[in-house]
Protein backbone atom coordinates (compact mmCIF):
# COMPACT_ATOMS: atom_id res chain seq x y z
CA MET A 1 77.95 -6.13 153.21
CA THR A 2 75.31 -6.79 155.81
CA SER A 3 75.89 -6.89 159.54
CA HIS A 4 76.33 -10.68 159.29
CA GLY A 5 79.23 -10.38 156.85
CA LEU A 6 77.25 -11.66 153.87
CA ALA A 7 77.16 -9.82 150.58
CA LYS A 8 73.81 -8.31 149.68
CA PRO A 9 72.44 -9.78 146.43
CA PRO A 10 72.12 -7.29 143.57
CA LYS A 11 68.68 -5.90 142.85
CA ILE A 12 67.43 -7.03 139.43
CA ASP A 13 64.94 -4.79 137.65
CA ASN A 14 62.28 -5.94 135.21
CA HIS A 15 64.27 -4.99 132.10
CA HIS A 16 67.17 -7.23 133.07
CA MET A 17 64.82 -10.07 134.05
CA ILE A 18 63.02 -9.88 130.68
CA GLY A 19 66.36 -9.84 128.87
CA PHE A 20 67.55 -12.85 130.82
CA ALA A 21 64.29 -14.74 130.13
CA TYR A 22 64.56 -13.95 126.40
CA ALA A 23 68.17 -15.12 126.24
CA LEU A 24 67.30 -18.33 128.11
CA GLU A 25 64.36 -18.96 125.79
CA GLN A 26 66.60 -18.53 122.75
CA ALA A 27 69.28 -20.82 124.20
CA LEU A 28 66.76 -23.57 124.94
CA ASN A 29 64.96 -23.11 121.61
CA ALA A 30 61.72 -23.06 123.59
CA ARG A 31 59.59 -21.57 120.81
CA ARG A 32 60.01 -23.79 117.81
CA GLN A 33 58.07 -23.15 114.64
CA PRO A 34 55.07 -25.46 114.14
CA GLN A 35 55.68 -28.37 111.83
CA PHE A 36 53.36 -30.02 109.36
CA LEU A 37 53.32 -33.70 110.33
CA GLY A 38 51.21 -35.02 107.49
CA ALA A 39 47.53 -35.51 106.80
CA ILE A 40 45.05 -35.62 109.65
CA THR A 41 43.07 -38.76 110.41
CA PRO A 42 39.39 -38.12 109.67
CA ILE A 43 37.05 -38.43 112.66
CA PRO A 44 33.84 -40.37 112.01
CA ASN A 45 30.57 -38.46 112.23
CA ALA A 46 28.67 -39.35 115.42
CA GLY A 47 25.37 -38.23 113.90
CA LEU A 48 24.59 -35.82 116.74
CA CYS A 49 23.53 -32.92 114.53
CA ASP A 50 21.70 -34.75 111.75
CA THR A 51 18.22 -33.57 112.74
CA PRO A 52 17.34 -30.02 113.79
CA HIS A 53 15.90 -29.71 117.27
CA GLN A 54 13.43 -27.29 118.79
CA LEU A 55 14.07 -25.48 122.04
CA GLN A 56 11.72 -26.61 124.77
CA GLY A 57 10.29 -24.21 127.35
CA LYS A 58 11.19 -20.57 128.00
CA ALA A 59 14.31 -18.84 129.10
CA HIS A 60 14.08 -18.24 132.83
CA LEU A 61 15.95 -15.87 135.08
CA PRO A 62 15.29 -15.83 138.82
CA HIS A 63 14.36 -12.13 138.89
CA GLY A 64 12.07 -12.33 135.83
CA ARG A 65 13.87 -9.70 133.69
CA ILE A 66 16.77 -9.79 131.30
CA PHE A 67 18.52 -6.73 132.74
């Protein structure tokens, strides 16, 4: 008891906290297995990569060196 007459809460170490978190996760079924929901809808091609492109200019660093 403290000087105010209140009980001191118990100290919880990491092992007990991890155990509690694991038990809570199992009780809530928080990590369900992924489910296959059917075929994906194909995304139309936007045509962004149809033609190869050349890099323009040079790589530039403010100090003039790579390292």
